[in-house]
Amino acid sequence: MTHGNGTRDDGPLTDVSALPAGRHAVVVGGGLAGVTAALALADAGVRVTLLEGRPRLGGLAFSFRRGDLTVDNGQHVYLRCCTAYRWFLDRIGGTALAPVQERLDVPVVDLDKPEGRRLGRLRRDALPVPLHLGRSLAAYPHLSLAERVRVGRAALALQGLDPADPALDTQDFGSWLTAHGQSARAVEALWDLVGVATLNATAADASLGLAAMVFKTGLLSDPGAADIGWARVPLGELHDGLARKALEAAGVRTEVRARVTSVSADEHGGWTVRTPGETVRADAVVLAVPQREAHDLLPPGALDAPGDLLEIGTAPILNVHVIYDRKVLAAPFLTALGTPVQWVFDRTEASGLKDGQYLALSQSTAQDEIDAPVAVLRERYLPELERLLPRARRAGVKDFFVTRERTATFAPAPGVGRLRPGARTKAPGLYLAGAWTATGWPATMESAVRSGVGAAGAALAALGRSRDRLPGFLEEAA
């Protein structure tokens, strides 16, 4: 197989230092963090090689074929406040393919209530914060009047917290909510409704610092901050297809199926990156891989406490996919209470399904189900969908399958903040990127993009290149 620079993976290791003059950076990893870092470096005039071990780009936000359908491994959404991911979409030409709803509107169905009284909505008005959610909260049927009043008070108290305060990272969000008068019902029907989907942890298991960041930024910063956006096309079309085109147009050499086996400093102050097929020499390296892989590739002395990376826990997400022979859900998505079902999305059009309806269930905090057999999950979830969607009771199931991401996110447990490293390492010219690094955000697409920009910014400073072309959120990312 011939690579983009004429080297071969079945021949001797190749020194590419003879490529055209100029600073050269290698980005290891082709997820959102790596693609972002590569684009940001290339936009600043750096020659970039991107190496990805998988046969595709996109990391854990990808698509695959199943028969005639194009299936996402899981449902990924973002919010209007996700300025970095929105920049990324714009940079690859994908903004129109993943639009944001005009105004936050989330149907919430409570199956513990009688039919006809199950539907509530979380939506905003065109009013300033915090009044934008006032009418929705006042009418929210899944909490009592007293619980709604106490939720409002807790929200005001949350607004006064500084998510960057290290003391908040040592506390759990659940205890804070209890101390601020939140009932178990309020946690279930509101705080965890949002928190589980964004943090991949319940309030009891989540860092107060990360939870405060999510709620302050998403619900209490700007009236439209929590408006939801999602891809109307397969994720692979964005994160692989359009990303590759953008990288090519920027002059980035992109190699997939190129698993990096070692990263080491050379005697000239540069770096040597090895794959089974070649050796690449560079002035700077960005490791944009999961924390455990980064730990294994880091040279000695790069971090004061490299073992911290192994202490960052992981959390799974289970995705249940159901193809019905008819339409059973009228809304683009909904979320539910009183059932194991968390969020349900209509993926019919995006998948290319011509007849019937394709629903995807996104199940966060799936520790108890991630290894369950498909037959067990089918017996559990099809009856729940029939309870949730009356039309499903008369529909035929044409296909049922699951996708599992056992290490979908880092676990946002109390204390995780001290374990997350910044972009810079102690080894000059070596940088870290990934949603698990110290972005201040939980493990989201937003965090991944921010980390890539932060790593690129640090590398550009060391390479003596201008950072003027970096997006405006760089200082936040750093």
Protein backbone atom coordinates (compact mmCIF):
# COMPACT_ATOMS: atom_id res chain seq x y z
CA MET A 1 0.00 0.00 0.00
CA THR A 2 1.37 3.42 -0.94
CA HIS A 3 1.03 6.28 1.53
CA GLY A 4 0.45 9.90 0.68
CA ASN A 5 4.15 10.75 0.68
CA GLY A 6 5.29 7.76 -1.33
CA THR A 7 6.42 5.65 1.62
CA ARG A 8 5.33 2.03 1.88
CA ASP A 9 4.12 0.00 4.83
CA ASP A 10 5.72 -3.18 3.52
CA GLY A 11 9.21 -1.76 3.21
CA PRO A 12 11.89 -0.33 5.52
CA LEU A 13 11.11 2.35 8.04
CA THR A 14 11.07 5.71 6.34
CA ASP A 15 12.57 9.02 7.38
CA VAL A 16 10.25 11.75 6.15
CA SER A 17 12.43 14.59 7.46
CA ALA A 18 13.43 15.24 3.84
CA LEU A 19 9.95 16.56 3.10
CA PRO A 20 9.67 20.27 2.18
CA ALA A 21 11.20 22.68 4.67
CA GLY A 22 9.06 24.03 7.49
CA ARG A 23 7.78 22.97 10.84
CA HIS A 24 6.19 19.53 10.92
CA ALA A 25 3.70 18.23 13.49
CA VAL A 26 2.32 14.73 13.91
CA VAL A 27 -1.12 14.26 15.40
CA VAL A 28 -1.74 10.79 16.81
CA GLY A 29 -5.45 9.97 16.77
CA GLY A 30 -8.20 10.87 14.33
CA GLY A 31 -11.12 11.50 16.66
CA LEU A 32 -12.62 14.97 17.00
CA ALA A 33 -9.71 16.14 19.16
CA GLY A 34 -7.09 14.96 16.68
CA VAL A 35 -8.88 16.25 13.59
CA THR A 36 -9.35 19.62 15.29
CA ALA A 37 -5.69 19.84 16.31
CA ALA A 38 -4.58 18.92 12.79
CA LEU A 39 -6.82 21.52 11.17
CA ALA A 40 -5.81 24.26 13.62
CA LEU A 41 -2.10 23.54 13.09
CA ALA A 42 -2.44 23.38 9.31
CA ASP A 43 -4.43 26.61 9.24
CA ALA A 44 -1.46 28.27 10.95
CA GLY A 45 0.94 27.07 8.26
CA VAL A 46 2.35 23.98 9.97
CA ARG A 47 2.89 20.83 7.90
CA VAL A 48 0.79 18.11 9.56
CA THR A 49 0.62 14.32 9.45
CA LEU A 50 -2.42 12.73 11.09
CA LEU A 51 -2.13 9.05 12.06
CA GLU A 52 -5.22 7.03 13.02
CA GLY A 53 -5.22 3.33 13.86
CA ARG A 54 -8.82 2.71 12.84
CA PRO A 55 -9.93 2.54 9.20
CA ARG A 56 -11.89 5.78 9.67
CA LEU A 57 -11.87 9.14 11.39
CA GLY A 58 -14.36 10.31 14.02
CA GLY A 59 -13.34 8.41 17.13
CA LEU A 60 -16.39 7.24 19.08
CA ALA A 61 -18.83 9.34 17.05
CA PHE A 62 -18.99 7.22 13.89
CA SER A 63 -21.28 5.32 11.53
CA PHE A 64 -21.33 1.86 10.00
CA ARG A 65 -23.38 -0.06 7.47
CA ARG A 66 -26.02 -2.60 8.46
CA GLY A 67 -27.67 -4.00 5.36
CA ASP A 68 -29.07 -1.04 3.43
CA LEU A 69 -28.91 1.30 6.44
CA THR A 70 -26.21 3.64 7.67
CA VAL A 71 -26.21 3.39 11.46
CA ASP A 72 -24.57 5.66 14.03
CA ASN A 73 -22.90 3.82 16.90
CA GLY A 74 -24.87 6.07 19.23
CA GLN A 75 -26.89 9.24 19.35
CA HIS A 76 -24.70 12.32 19.81
CA VAL A 77 -26.19 15.76 20.39
CA TYR A 78 -24.76 19.16 21.21
CA LEU A 79 -26.14 22.44 22.56
CA ARG A 80 -26.10 25.94 21.19
CA CYS A 81 -23.59 26.84 23.92
CA CYS A 82 -21.12 24.33 22.42
CA THR A 83 -19.20 27.04 20.58
CA ALA A 84 -16.18 24.84 19.85
CA TYR A 85 -18.12 22.01 18.25
CA ARG A 86 -20.15 24.54 16.27
CA TRP A 87 -16.87 26.03 15.03
CA PHE A 88 -15.76 22.53 14.06
CA LEU A 89 -18.95 21.93 12.09
CA ASP A 90 -18.46 25.22 10.30
CA ARG A 91 -14.79 24.47 9.62
CA ILE A 92 -15.61 21.16 7.89
CA GLY A 93 -18.66 22.57 6.09
CA GLY A 94 -21.21 20.60 8.11
CA THR A 95 -23.26 23.25 9.91
CA ALA A 96 -26.34 22.84 7.73
CA LEU A 97 -26.29 19.07 8.26
CA ALA A 98 -26.50 19.31 12.06
CA PRO A 99 -28.83 22.24 12.81
CA VAL A 100 -29.95 23.42 16.23
CA GLN A 101 -33.63 23.53 17.15
CA GLU A 102 -35.07 27.05 17.07
CA ARG A 103 -35.91 26.96 20.76
CA LEU A 104 -35.33 24.39 23.50
CA ASP A 105 -38.27 21.99 23.58
CA VAL A 106 -37.92 18.55 25.22
CA PRO A 107 -40.96 16.27 25.56
CA VAL A 108 -40.81 14.41 28.90
CA VAL A 109 -43.16 11.43 29.28
CA ASP A 110 -43.83 9.97 32.75
CA LEU A 111 -45.07 6.40 32.48
CA ASP A 112 -46.03 6.30 36.15
CA LYS A 113 -48.94 8.63 35.37
CA PRO A 114 -52.24 7.67 33.72
CA GLU A 115 -52.39 7.91 29.94
CA GLY A 116 -53.43 11.38 28.87
CA ARG A 117 -51.55 13.03 31.73
CA ARG A 118 -48.07 11.74 31.03
CA LEU A 119 -46.60 14.47 28.84
CA GLY A 120 -44.64 17.41 30.17
CA ARG A 121 -42.22 19.70 28.37
CA LEU A 122 -39.01 21.51 29.18
CA ARG A 123 -38.83 24.55 26.93
CA ARG A 124 -37.69 28.11 27.03
CA ASP A 125 -39.20 31.49 26.31
CA ALA A 126 -37.55 34.47 24.66
CA LEU A 127 -36.84 36.07 28.01
CA PRO A 128 -33.55 36.83 29.80
CA VAL A 129 -31.92 34.32 32.14
CA PRO A 130 -33.32 32.91 34.43
CA LEU A 131 -36.82 33.97 33.39
CA HIS A 132 -36.47 32.08 30.11
CA LEU A 133 -37.26 28.81 31.92
CA GLY A 134 -39.70 30.25 34.45
CA ARG A 135 -42.96 29.48 32.67
CA SER A 136 -41.80 25.99 31.71
CA LEU A 137 -40.77 25.18 35.28
CA ALA A 138 -43.98 26.63 36.70
CA ALA A 139 -46.03 24.35 34.45
CA TYR A 140 -43.83 21.27 34.68
CA PRO A 141 -46.29 18.54 35.68
CA HIS A 142 -43.75 16.01 36.89
CA LEU A 143 -42.93 17.97 40.07
CA SER A 144 -45.14 19.34 42.81
CA LEU A 145 -45.47 23.08 43.27
CA ALA A 146 -43.21 22.97 46.33
CA GLU A 147 -40.60 20.96 44.42
CA ARG A 148 -40.67 23.46 41.56
CA VAL A 149 -40.11 26.35 43.95
CA ARG A 150 -37.17 24.57 45.55
CA VAL A 151 -35.71 23.79 42.10
CA GLY A 152 -35.75 27.50 41.33
CA ARG A 153 -33.91 28.29 44.56
CA ALA A 154 -31.32 25.59 43.88
CA ALA A 155 -30.77 26.96 40.37
CA LEU A 156 -30.06 30.41 41.80
CA ALA A 157 -27.61 28.89 44.29
CA LEU A 158 -25.95 26.95 41.48
CA GLN A 159 -25.53 30.17 39.53
CA GLY A 160 -23.34 31.48 42.34
CA LEU A 161 -20.84 28.60 42.14
CA ASP A 162 -17.50 28.79 40.35
CA PRO A 163 -17.04 25.51 38.44
CA ALA A 164 -13.28 26.14 38.34
CA ASP A 165 -13.03 26.10 42.15
CA PRO A 166 -11.01 22.95 42.98
CA ALA A 167 -13.06 22.46 46.15
CA LEU A 168 -16.15 21.77 44.04
CA ASP A 169 -14.39 18.89 42.32
CA THR A 170 -14.06 17.05 45.64
CA GLN A 171 -17.83 17.12 46.29
CA ASP A 172 -20.61 15.13 44.65
CA PHE A 173 -23.54 16.86 43.01
CA GLY A 174 -26.14 14.65 44.69
CA SER A 175 -25.15 15.71 48.21
CA TRP A 176 -25.20 19.35 47.16
CA LEU A 177 -28.71 18.94 45.73
CA THR A 178 -29.92 17.28 48.93
CA ALA A 179 -28.41 20.09 50.99
CA HIS A 180 -30.31 22.56 48.82
CA GLY A 181 -33.70 20.98 49.37
CA GLN A 182 -33.98 18.79 46.29
CA SER A 183 -36.17 15.73 46.73
CA ALA A 184 -35.39 12.36 45.19
CA ARG A 185 -38.22 13.04 42.74
CA ALA A 186 -36.73 16.40 41.71
CA VAL A 187 -33.38 14.75 41.11
CA GLU A 188 -34.98 12.03 38.99
CA ALA A 189 -37.40 14.22 37.04
CA LEU A 190 -35.15 17.19 36.37
CA TRP A 191 -31.54 17.23 37.52
CA ASP A 192 -30.68 13.69 36.43
CA LEU A 193 -32.80 14.04 33.32
CA VAL A 194 -30.26 16.57 32.09
CA GLY A 195 -27.21 15.44 34.03
CA VAL A 196 -27.19 11.76 33.07
CA ALA A 197 -27.32 12.65 29.39
CA THR A 198 -24.54 15.25 29.58
CA LEU A 199 -22.30 13.82 32.31
CA ASN A 200 -22.93 10.07 31.85
CA ALA A 201 -23.36 9.84 35.62
CA THR A 202 -26.13 10.32 38.15
CA ALA A 203 -25.95 13.29 40.49
CA ALA A 204 -24.69 11.08 43.32
CA ASP A 205 -21.71 9.96 41.23
CA ALA A 206 -20.85 13.27 39.57
CA SER A 207 -18.36 15.96 40.51
CA LEU A 208 -20.10 19.10 41.72
CA GLY A 209 -17.63 21.14 39.67
CA LEU A 210 -18.53 19.43 36.40
CA ALA A 211 -22.24 19.45 37.18
CA ALA A 212 -22.12 23.16 38.01
CA MET A 213 -20.34 23.78 34.73
CA VAL A 214 -23.00 21.89 32.76
CA PHE A 215 -25.99 23.56 34.36
CA LYS A 216 -24.51 27.06 34.56
CA THR A 217 -23.36 27.01 30.94
CA GLY A 218 -26.31 25.15 29.46
CA LEU A 219 -29.24 26.56 31.41
CA LEU A 220 -28.11 29.71 33.20
CA SER A 221 -25.74 31.55 30.85
CA ASP A 222 -27.84 32.57 27.86
CA PRO A 223 -31.51 32.01 26.99
CA GLY A 224 -30.66 29.89 23.96
CA ALA A 225 -27.68 28.05 25.43
CA ALA A 226 -29.49 24.72 25.88
CA ASP A 227 -31.15 24.58 22.47
CA ILE A 228 -30.35 21.11 21.12
CA GLY A 229 -28.58 20.29 17.87
CA TRP A 230 -28.04 16.91 16.26
CA ALA A 231 -26.90 15.48 12.95
CA ARG A 232 -29.62 14.94 10.35
CA VAL A 233 -27.15 12.78 8.40
CA PRO A 234 -25.00 9.86 9.56
CA LEU A 235 -22.20 10.98 11.89
CA GLY A 236 -19.66 9.39 9.58
CA GLU A 237 -20.66 11.84 6.86
CA LEU A 238 -19.55 14.65 9.17
CA HIS A 239 -16.72 13.32 11.30
CA ASP A 240 -15.13 11.11 8.64
CA GLY A 241 -16.26 12.21 5.18
CA LEU A 242 -16.34 16.00 5.56
CA ALA A 243 -13.45 15.93 8.01
CA ARG A 244 -11.23 14.13 5.49
CA LYS A 245 -12.10 16.67 2.81
CA ALA A 246 -11.27 19.54 5.14
CA LEU A 247 -7.97 17.94 6.14
CA GLU A 248 -7.03 17.32 2.53
CA ALA A 249 -7.89 20.89 1.56
CA ALA A 250 -5.73 22.13 4.45
CA GLY A 251 -2.79 20.07 3.21
CA VAL A 252 -2.83 17.54 6.03
CA ARG A 253 -1.45 14.10 5.19
CA THR A 254 -3.98 11.71 6.73
CA GLU A 255 -3.25 8.01 7.25
CA VAL A 256 -5.78 5.55 8.62
CA ARG A 257 -4.97 1.99 9.69
CA ALA A 258 -1.73 3.51 10.96
CA ARG A 259 -1.47 2.45 14.60
CA VAL A 260 1.28 4.33 16.42
CA THR A 261 3.48 2.01 18.46
CA SER A 262 5.91 4.49 20.01
CA VAL A 263 6.64 8.19 20.44
CA SER A 264 10.16 9.19 21.47
CA ALA A 265 12.37 12.26 21.59
CA ASP A 266 15.34 12.25 19.25
CA GLU A 267 18.85 13.61 19.73
CA HIS A 268 18.08 16.72 17.70
CA GLY A 269 15.30 18.00 19.94
CA GLY A 270 12.57 16.64 17.69
CA TRP A 271 10.30 13.63 17.86
CA THR A 272 10.13 10.21 16.28
CA VAL A 273 6.74 8.57 15.82
CA ARG A 274 6.64 4.93 14.76
CA THR A 275 3.92 2.80 13.19
CA PRO A 276 4.38 -0.76 11.93
CA GLY A 277 4.99 0.67 8.45
CA GLU A 278 7.08 3.80 8.86
CA THR A 279 8.92 6.22 11.06
CA VAL A 280 7.83 9.86 11.01
CA ARG A 281 10.01 12.64 12.38
CA ALA A 282 8.41 15.82 13.67
CA ASP A 283 9.04 19.05 15.54
CA ALA A 284 5.91 18.59 17.63
CA VAL A 285 3.54 15.75 18.48
CA VAL A 286 -0.06 15.90 19.69
CA LEU A 287 -1.30 12.73 21.40
CA ALA A 288 -5.06 12.81 20.78
CA VAL A 289 -5.92 9.32 22.00
CA PRO A 290 -7.79 7.89 25.02
CA GLN A 291 -6.11 8.32 28.38
CA ARG A 292 -4.90 4.75 28.73
CA GLU A 293 -3.40 4.77 25.25
CA ALA A 294 -1.78 8.10 25.97
CA HIS A 295 -0.29 6.66 29.15
CA ASP A 296 1.27 3.81 27.18
CA LEU A 297 2.75 6.14 24.55
CA LEU A 298 4.09 8.85 26.87
CA PRO A 299 7.89 8.87 27.17
CA PRO A 300 9.36 8.81 30.69
CA GLY A 301 9.21 12.16 32.46
CA ALA A 302 6.53 13.66 30.23
CA LEU A 303 4.14 13.97 33.18
CA ASP A 304 4.91 14.24 36.89
CA ALA A 305 2.30 11.61 37.68
CA PRO A 306 1.52 9.58 34.55
CA GLY A 307 -0.32 7.04 36.72
CA ASP A 308 -3.06 9.65 37.18
CA LEU A 309 -4.22 8.86 33.65
CA LEU A 310 -4.94 5.29 34.68
CA GLU A 311 -6.98 6.53 37.65
CA ILE A 312 -9.41 8.39 35.38
CA GLY A 313 -12.34 6.01 35.35
CA THR A 314 -14.53 5.25 32.35
CA ALA A 315 -18.30 4.95 31.95
CA PRO A 316 -20.28 3.00 29.35
CA ILE A 317 -23.15 3.96 27.08
CA LEU A 318 -25.53 1.40 25.59
CA ASN A 319 -27.48 2.14 22.42
CA VAL A 320 -30.58 0.14 21.51
CA HIS A 321 -31.69 0.24 17.87
CA VAL A 322 -35.22 -0.77 16.82
CA ILE A 323 -36.64 -0.82 13.28
CA TYR A 324 -40.45 -0.80 13.16
CA ASP A 325 -42.62 -1.50 10.15
CA ARG A 326 -44.54 1.75 10.67
CA LYS A 327 -44.19 5.14 12.31
CA VAL A 328 -44.62 4.96 16.08
CA LEU A 329 -43.05 8.26 17.24
CA ALA A 330 -44.21 11.63 15.91
CA ALA A 331 -41.58 13.80 17.62
CA PRO A 332 -37.89 13.89 16.60
CA PHE A 333 -36.98 12.78 20.13
CA LEU A 334 -38.29 12.46 23.66
CA THR A 335 -37.11 11.49 27.12
CA ALA A 336 -38.94 9.43 29.70
CA LEU A 337 -39.50 8.84 33.41
CA GLY A 338 -40.84 5.75 35.16
CA THR A 339 -39.08 3.42 32.73
CA PRO A 340 -35.56 2.19 31.99
CA VAL A 341 -35.79 4.06 28.65
CA GLN A 342 -33.88 7.34 28.81
CA TRP A 343 -33.81 9.18 25.45
CA VAL A 344 -35.41 8.05 22.18
CA PHE A 345 -34.45 9.54 18.81
CA ASP A 346 -35.95 9.13 15.35
CA ARG A 347 -33.09 8.17 13.00
CA THR A 348 -35.25 7.08 10.06
CA GLU A 349 -34.23 9.70 7.51
CA ALA A 350 -30.58 9.86 8.54
CA SER A 351 -30.16 6.10 8.23
CA GLY A 352 -31.69 5.89 4.77
CA LEU A 353 -34.65 3.76 5.89
CA LYS A 354 -37.42 3.96 3.28
CA ASP A 355 -40.29 2.15 5.01
CA GLY A 356 -41.22 2.15 8.69
CA GLN A 357 -39.34 3.96 11.43
CA TYR A 358 -35.93 3.58 13.02
CA LEU A 359 -35.64 4.53 16.69
CA ALA A 360 -32.39 4.78 18.63
CA LEU A 361 -32.38 4.62 22.43
CA SER A 362 -29.41 6.24 24.12
CA GLN A 363 -28.83 4.69 27.54
CA SER A 364 -26.17 6.43 29.63
CA THR A 365 -24.81 5.13 32.95
CA ALA A 366 -25.30 1.64 31.51
CA GLN A 367 -22.96 -0.23 33.86
CA ASP A 368 -25.61 -2.82 34.70
CA GLU A 369 -26.60 -3.51 31.10
CA ILE A 370 -23.52 -2.99 28.96
CA ASP A 371 -22.75 -6.73 28.77
CA ALA A 372 -26.34 -8.02 28.75
CA PRO A 373 -27.19 -10.37 25.84
CA VAL A 374 -29.21 -8.89 22.99
CA ALA A 375 -32.09 -11.28 23.75
CA VAL A 376 -32.30 -9.99 27.32
CA LEU A 377 -32.25 -6.38 26.17
CA ARG A 378 -34.94 -7.12 23.59
CA GLU A 379 -37.20 -8.60 26.26
CA ARG A 380 -36.59 -5.58 28.47
CA TYR A 381 -36.90 -2.70 26.02
CA LEU A 382 -39.56 -3.67 23.49
CA PRO A 383 -42.30 -3.85 26.16
CA GLU A 384 -41.09 -0.53 27.57
CA LEU A 385 -41.34 1.08 24.16
CA GLU A 386 -44.88 -0.25 23.85
CA ARG A 387 -45.71 1.35 27.20
CA LEU A 388 -44.11 4.60 26.06
CA LEU A 389 -45.41 4.69 22.48
CA PRO A 390 -48.96 3.32 22.07
CA ARG A 391 -48.50 2.96 18.29
CA ALA A 392 -45.66 0.52 18.90
CA ARG A 393 -48.15 -1.99 20.33
CA ARG A 394 -49.55 -2.59 16.85
CA ALA A 395 -46.25 -2.34 14.98
CA GLY A 396 -44.01 -5.14 13.81
CA VAL A 397 -40.32 -5.17 14.76
CA LYS A 398 -38.22 -5.66 11.63
CA ASP A 399 -34.84 -5.46 13.37
CA PHE A 400 -33.44 -5.09 16.87
CA PHE A 401 -29.75 -4.68 17.64
CA VAL A 402 -27.48 -2.93 20.12
CA THR A 403 -24.18 -1.07 20.02
CA ARG A 404 -22.01 -0.89 23.10
CA GLU A 405 -19.35 1.63 24.04
CA ARG A 406 -17.84 0.22 27.22
CA THR A 407 -15.48 3.18 27.66
CA ALA A 408 -17.70 5.81 26.05
CA THR A 409 -16.64 8.65 28.38
CA PHE A 410 -14.41 9.30 31.31
CA ALA A 411 -16.28 8.95 34.59
CA PRO A 412 -16.98 12.47 35.97
CA ALA A 413 -16.59 11.31 39.56
CA PRO A 414 -15.60 13.64 42.40
CA GLY A 415 -11.85 14.16 42.30
CA VAL A 416 -11.45 13.58 38.57
CA GLY A 417 -10.46 17.20 38.00
CA ARG A 418 -7.08 16.77 39.69
CA LEU A 419 -6.35 13.79 37.41
CA ARG A 420 -7.04 15.53 34.10
CA PRO A 421 -3.83 16.94 32.57
CA GLY A 422 -3.56 20.10 30.52
CA ALA A 423 -2.36 20.25 26.93
CA ARG A 424 1.30 20.81 27.78
CA THR A 425 3.58 18.07 29.04
CA LYS A 426 7.06 18.41 30.59
CA ALA A 427 8.54 17.13 27.33
CA PRO A 428 9.07 20.10 24.98
CA GLY A 429 7.10 19.61 21.80
CA LEU A 430 4.72 16.96 23.15
CA TYR A 431 1.06 17.85 23.79
CA LEU A 432 -2.11 16.09 24.89
CA ALA A 433 -5.63 16.34 23.51
CA GLY A 434 -8.86 14.48 24.14
CA ALA A 435 -12.18 15.04 25.88
CA TRP A 436 -10.57 13.61 29.04
CA THR A 437 -7.97 16.40 29.32
CA ALA A 438 -8.48 19.51 31.45
CA THR A 439 -10.99 21.40 29.33
CA GLY A 440 -13.41 22.11 32.19
CA TRP A 441 -16.11 20.22 30.27
CA PRO A 442 -17.38 16.67 30.73
CA ALA A 443 -16.64 14.05 28.07
CA THR A 444 -18.51 15.58 25.14
CA MET A 445 -17.80 16.45 21.52
CA GLU A 446 -17.39 20.01 22.76
CA SER A 447 -14.65 18.97 25.17
CA ALA A 448 -12.86 17.02 22.44
CA VAL A 449 -12.79 19.98 20.05
CA ARG A 450 -11.71 22.39 22.78
CA SER A 451 -8.86 20.09 23.69
CA GLY A 452 -7.68 19.92 20.10
CA VAL A 453 -7.63 23.69 19.79
CA GLY A 454 -5.85 24.01 23.15
CA ALA A 455 -3.15 21.52 22.13
CA ALA A 456 -2.69 23.23 18.77
CA GLY A 457 -2.38 26.60 20.45
CA ALA A 458 0.28 25.32 22.84
CA ALA A 459 2.18 23.70 19.97
CA LEU A 460 2.06 26.83 17.81
CA ALA A 461 3.54 28.91 20.61
CA ALA A 462 6.44 26.46 20.93
CA LEU A 463 6.92 26.30 17.16
CA GLY A 464 7.08 30.06 16.90
CA ARG A 465 3.98 30.26 14.76
CA SER A 466 1.21 32.82 15.04
CA ARG A 467 -1.96 31.81 16.84
CA ASP A 468 -4.00 34.52 15.13
CA ARG A 469 -5.99 32.04 13.05
CA LEU A 470 -7.12 29.98 16.02
CA PRO A 471 -10.82 30.31 16.88
CA GLY A 472 -11.87 32.84 19.48
CA PHE A 473 -12.62 30.32 22.20
CA LEU A 474 -8.93 29.33 22.48
CA GLU A 475 -8.43 31.10 25.78
CA GLU A 476 -11.41 29.22 27.22
CA ALA A 477 -10.03 25.97 25.83
CA ALA A 478 -6.61 26.60 27.31
